[in-house]
């Protein structure tokens, strides 16, 4: 069954770069594939993941011409736990830097967020804990040995 293409789908040129990296990251440890054959292609799974991530929608709100959201979400989380996305991002960054005539990066930041901190630092930035004169009866009885 053919489906309509979405703007978030990788182009054939992009897929030629991504597919070998994805296959290497997924199957590098396996000598032979076991289990039932895939019902959905890697391309369809990646297209569905990119659709959700690009449009910022819920997994359950995926169009019906893409694979079922449960299958896509399962593979997305599994690949995330296996570190597949980090391997693909690192390989793509390395390849892009080589094409630009630069060395491979030592560190790669995919996403970052700045968090403001307080201006005061050290002990001056903290208030001292106060002791209450009206402590609970339990504490009073323990202290006095009653």
Protein backbone atom coordinates (compact mmCIF):
# COMPACT_ATOMS: atom_id res chain seq x y z
CA UNK A 1 0.00 0.00 0.00
CA UNK A 2 1.40 3.38 -0.92
CA UNK A 3 0.88 6.33 1.31
CA UNK A 4 1.07 10.03 0.65
CA UNK A 5 4.34 11.73 1.49
CA UNK A 6 4.65 14.31 4.25
CA UNK A 7 7.02 17.28 4.45
CA UNK A 8 8.76 15.58 7.40
CA UNK A 9 9.66 12.49 5.32
CA UNK A 10 13.35 12.18 4.50
CA UNK A 11 14.25 12.72 0.87
CA UNK A 12 15.76 9.78 -1.05
CA UNK A 13 19.20 11.40 -0.71
CA UNK A 14 18.76 11.82 3.06
CA UNK A 15 17.50 8.24 3.37
CA UNK A 16 20.57 6.93 1.52
CA UNK A 17 22.70 8.51 4.26
CA UNK A 18 20.48 7.57 7.24
CA UNK A 19 19.57 3.98 6.35
CA UNK A 20 23.06 2.41 6.54
CA UNK A 21 23.73 4.25 9.81
CA UNK A 22 20.44 3.07 11.24
CA UNK A 23 20.97 -0.53 10.12
CA UNK A 24 24.52 -0.54 11.53
CA UNK A 25 23.33 0.85 14.88
CA UNK A 26 20.44 -1.61 15.08
CA UNK A 27 22.00 -4.80 13.75
CA UNK A 28 25.75 -4.51 14.35
CA UNK A 29 25.72 -7.05 17.19
CA UNK A 30 23.45 -9.60 15.51
CA UNK A 31 24.86 -12.22 13.18
CA UNK A 32 21.50 -13.29 11.86
CA UNK A 33 18.07 -11.85 12.34
CA UNK A 34 15.65 -13.96 14.34
CA UNK A 35 11.95 -13.66 14.85
CA UNK A 36 9.12 -12.76 12.53
CA UNK A 37 9.86 -10.60 9.51
CA UNK A 38 9.14 -6.92 9.88
CA UNK A 39 5.62 -5.88 9.01
CA UNK A 40 6.67 -2.24 8.53
CA UNK A 41 9.82 -1.04 6.82
CA UNK A 42 12.46 0.99 8.59
CA UNK A 43 11.64 3.86 6.26
CA UNK A 44 7.98 3.90 7.32
CA UNK A 45 8.92 3.76 11.00
CA UNK A 46 11.40 6.63 10.65
CA UNK A 47 8.87 8.67 8.65
CA UNK A 48 6.27 8.18 11.37
CA UNK A 49 8.75 9.15 14.12
CA UNK A 50 9.81 12.25 12.22
CA UNK A 51 6.16 13.18 11.63
CA UNK A 52 5.42 13.09 15.37
CA UNK A 53 8.60 14.91 16.35
CA UNK A 54 8.38 17.55 13.60
CA UNK A 55 4.72 18.40 14.16
CA UNK A 56 4.80 18.10 17.95
CA UNK A 57 1.70 15.91 18.10
CA UNK A 58 0.76 13.09 20.44
CA UNK A 59 1.70 9.57 19.38
CA UNK A 60 -1.97 8.62 19.28
CA UNK A 61 -2.72 11.48 16.88
CA UNK A 62 -0.63 10.05 14.03
CA UNK A 63 -2.32 9.80 10.63
CA UNK A 64 -3.81 6.41 9.80
CA UNK A 65 -1.71 5.88 6.69
CA UNK A 66 1.43 5.60 8.87
CA UNK A 67 2.14 2.47 10.96
CA UNK A 68 0.11 2.16 14.19
CA UNK A 69 1.26 4.51 16.92
CA UNK A 70 1.94 1.62 19.35
CA UNK A 71 4.45 0.05 16.93
CA UNK A 72 6.16 3.37 16.18
CA UNK A 73 6.35 4.35 19.86
CA UNK A 74 7.74 0.91 20.81
CA UNK A 75 10.53 1.16 18.26
CA UNK A 76 11.26 4.80 19.12
CA UNK A 77 11.70 4.02 22.84
CA UNK A 78 13.69 0.85 22.12
CA UNK A 79 16.07 2.70 19.81
CA UNK A 80 16.36 5.46 22.38
CA UNK A 81 17.33 2.96 25.12
CA UNK A 82 19.86 1.26 22.81
CA UNK A 83 21.48 4.61 21.99
CA UNK A 84 20.67 4.32 18.28
CA UNK A 85 19.74 7.99 17.94
CA UNK A 86 23.02 9.12 19.53
CA UNK A 87 25.00 6.88 17.18
CA UNK A 88 23.15 8.17 14.13
CA UNK A 89 23.50 11.82 15.24
CA UNK A 90 27.23 11.37 15.89
CA UNK A 91 27.77 9.67 12.53
CA UNK A 92 25.84 12.38 10.68
CA UNK A 93 27.76 15.17 12.45
CA UNK A 94 31.07 13.47 11.68
CA UNK A 95 30.12 13.01 8.03
CA UNK A 96 29.02 16.65 7.70
CA UNK A 97 32.24 17.90 9.28
CA UNK A 98 34.34 15.75 6.95
CA UNK A 99 32.50 17.14 3.93
CA UNK A 100 33.21 20.65 5.24
CA UNK A 101 36.91 19.77 5.65
CA UNK A 102 36.88 19.82 9.46
CA UNK A 103 37.86 17.21 12.03
CA UNK A 104 35.33 15.05 13.84
CA UNK A 105 33.86 16.72 16.95
CA UNK A 106 34.89 15.62 20.42
CA UNK A 107 31.47 16.48 21.87
CA UNK A 108 28.07 16.85 20.30
CA UNK A 109 25.13 18.74 21.85
CA UNK A 110 21.79 17.79 20.35
CA UNK A 111 19.66 20.07 22.50
CA UNK A 112 20.41 22.34 25.43
CA UNK A 113 18.61 24.63 27.79
CA UNK A 114 19.91 27.53 29.84
CA UNK A 115 18.73 27.72 33.41
CA UNK A 116 19.17 31.03 35.29
CA UNK A 117 20.78 30.83 38.72
CA UNK A 118 20.69 33.20 41.65
CA UNK A 119 23.15 36.07 41.79
CA UNK A 120 24.24 35.31 45.34
CA UNK A 121 26.50 32.39 45.95
CA UNK A 122 27.99 30.49 48.84
CA UNK A 123 26.75 30.85 52.41
CA UNK A 124 25.37 34.34 51.88
CA UNK A 125 22.76 32.97 49.53
CA UNK A 126 21.26 30.65 52.15
CA UNK A 127 19.14 31.48 55.17
CA UNK A 128 19.83 29.87 58.52
CA UNK A 129 17.32 27.37 59.83
CA UNK A 130 15.33 28.74 62.76
CA UNK A 131 14.73 26.87 65.95
CA UNK A 132 11.20 26.98 67.18
CA UNK A 133 10.66 27.52 70.90
CA UNK A 134 7.32 25.79 70.61
CA UNK A 135 8.76 22.42 69.65
CA UNK A 136 6.54 19.39 69.60
CA UNK A 137 5.85 17.55 72.81
CA UNK A 138 7.61 14.44 71.56
CA UNK A 139 10.87 16.26 70.99
CA UNK A 140 10.61 17.97 74.41
CA UNK A 141 10.06 14.67 76.19
CA UNK A 142 13.02 13.01 74.45
CA UNK A 143 15.34 15.91 75.27
CA UNK A 144 14.38 15.98 78.96
CA UNK A 145 14.38 12.23 79.31
CA UNK A 146 10.78 12.07 80.47
